[in-house]
Amino acid sequence: MTDSEATAYLAAEAQARMEIDAKLAECGWVVQSQKNINLGAGQGVAVREFTLREPHGRADYLLFIDRKPVGAIEAKPKGDDAHRGGTADGQVRRRPP
């Protein structure tokens, strides 16, 4: 991937994250950064760029309901194959780490 392709990809992913933030908020989720996390801010809290325990890395969004982790979202630019059924490293997650 060239530098210009990488820049375009990152810009597209940033756009996808803005759209995801808006859609989550429309559905009643409280969207927060991990730096300012407050799991009591609402029944459903979506935390951006959540750092997970090793070897899991980072979730673009970790979803909490009643302070319990229930799922994760990986932000992808439009046109990227988001239906592969796995993670970037090829592993399928059956439950939050």
Protein backbone atom coordinates (compact mmCIF):
# COMPACT_ATOMS: atom_id res chain seq x y z
CA MET A 1 0.00 0.00 0.00
CA THR A 2 1.42 3.37 -0.98
CA ASP A 3 1.44 6.37 1.36
CA SER A 4 -1.41 8.02 -0.56
CA GLU A 5 -3.47 4.80 -0.46
CA ALA A 6 -2.86 4.50 3.29
CA THR A 7 -3.90 8.13 3.81
CA ALA A 8 -7.09 7.62 1.77
CA TYR A 9 -7.88 4.42 3.70
CA LEU A 10 -7.42 6.15 7.06
CA ALA A 11 -9.59 9.09 5.95
CA ALA A 12 -12.31 6.65 4.85
CA GLU A 13 -12.10 4.80 8.17
CA ALA A 14 -12.39 8.12 10.07
CA GLN A 15 -15.53 8.89 8.04
CA ALA A 16 -16.90 5.43 8.88
CA ARG A 17 -16.27 6.09 12.59
CA MET A 18 -18.19 9.38 12.43
CA GLU A 19 -21.12 7.57 10.81
CA ILE A 20 -20.97 4.77 13.39
CA ASP A 21 -20.93 7.34 16.24
CA ALA A 22 -24.03 9.02 14.79
CA LYS A 23 -25.90 5.74 14.23
CA LEU A 24 -25.12 4.48 17.73
CA ALA A 25 -26.30 7.78 19.25
CA GLU A 26 -29.51 7.65 17.16
CA CYS A 27 -30.19 4.22 18.67
CA GLY A 28 -29.76 5.53 22.21
CA TRP A 29 -26.17 4.46 22.89
CA VAL A 30 -23.95 6.84 24.86
CA VAL A 31 -20.72 7.06 22.80
CA GLN A 32 -17.53 7.79 24.74
CA SER A 33 -13.77 7.57 24.48
CA GLN A 34 -11.93 5.17 26.78
CA LYS A 35 -10.12 8.16 28.32
CA ASN A 36 -13.44 9.58 29.58
CA ILE A 37 -15.25 6.30 30.23
CA ASN A 38 -18.34 6.38 32.45
CA LEU A 39 -20.23 3.10 32.16
CA GLY A 40 -23.00 4.58 34.33
CA ALA A 41 -23.80 7.29 31.78
CA GLY A 42 -26.58 5.18 30.28
CA GLN A 43 -27.91 1.67 29.93
CA GLY A 44 -26.01 1.24 26.66
CA VAL A 45 -22.50 2.67 26.41
CA ALA A 46 -20.25 2.36 23.35
CA VAL A 47 -16.59 3.03 24.12
CA ARG A 48 -14.36 4.05 21.18
CA GLU A 49 -10.87 2.56 20.74
CA PHE A 50 -11.10 0.29 23.77
CA THR A 51 -7.81 -1.39 24.70
CA LEU A 52 -8.35 -5.08 25.43
CA ARG A 53 -6.18 -7.54 27.29
CA GLU A 54 -3.40 -9.29 25.40
CA PRO A 55 -3.50 -10.80 22.85
CA HIS A 56 -6.72 -9.12 21.70
CA GLY A 57 -5.38 -5.63 21.00
CA ARG A 58 -8.00 -2.94 20.52
CA ALA A 59 -11.68 -2.82 19.63
CA ASP A 60 -12.84 0.13 17.56
CA TYR A 61 -15.95 0.12 19.77
CA LEU A 62 -16.70 -2.04 22.80
CA LEU A 63 -20.40 -2.14 23.67
CA PHE A 64 -21.64 -2.30 27.25
CA ILE A 65 -25.19 -2.87 28.48
CA ASP A 66 -25.74 -2.30 32.19
CA ARG A 67 -21.95 -2.01 32.62
CA LYS A 68 -21.30 -5.47 31.11
CA PRO A 69 -19.43 -5.96 27.82
CA VAL A 70 -21.77 -7.45 25.22
CA GLY A 71 -20.06 -6.93 21.86
CA ALA A 72 -17.52 -5.16 19.72
CA ILE A 73 -17.62 -3.22 16.45
CA GLU A 74 -14.75 -2.92 14.01
CA ALA A 75 -14.91 0.24 11.89
CA LYS A 76 -14.36 -0.37 8.19
CA PRO A 77 -14.51 2.04 5.28
CA LYS A 78 -17.41 1.61 2.87
CA GLY A 79 -16.66 -1.09 0.35
CA ASP A 80 -14.45 -3.09 2.70
CA ASP A 81 -15.68 -6.66 3.26
CA ALA A 82 -17.20 -6.44 6.73
CA HIS A 83 -18.98 -9.79 6.43
CA ARG A 84 -16.00 -12.10 6.69
CA GLY A 85 -17.13 -13.39 10.08
CA GLY A 86 -13.82 -12.98 11.83
CA THR A 87 -11.31 -10.50 13.14
CA ALA A 88 -8.37 -8.85 11.44
CA ASP A 89 -6.18 -11.74 12.60
CA GLY A 90 -8.65 -14.33 11.27
CA GLN A 91 -10.06 -15.38 14.63
CA VAL A 92 -13.78 -15.51 15.32
CA ARG A 93 -14.76 -14.04 18.66
CA ARG A 94 -17.63 -15.82 20.34
CA ARG A 95 -17.71 -13.53 23.38
CA PRO A 96 -16.03 -10.32 24.49
CA PRO A 97 -12.52 -10.87 25.91
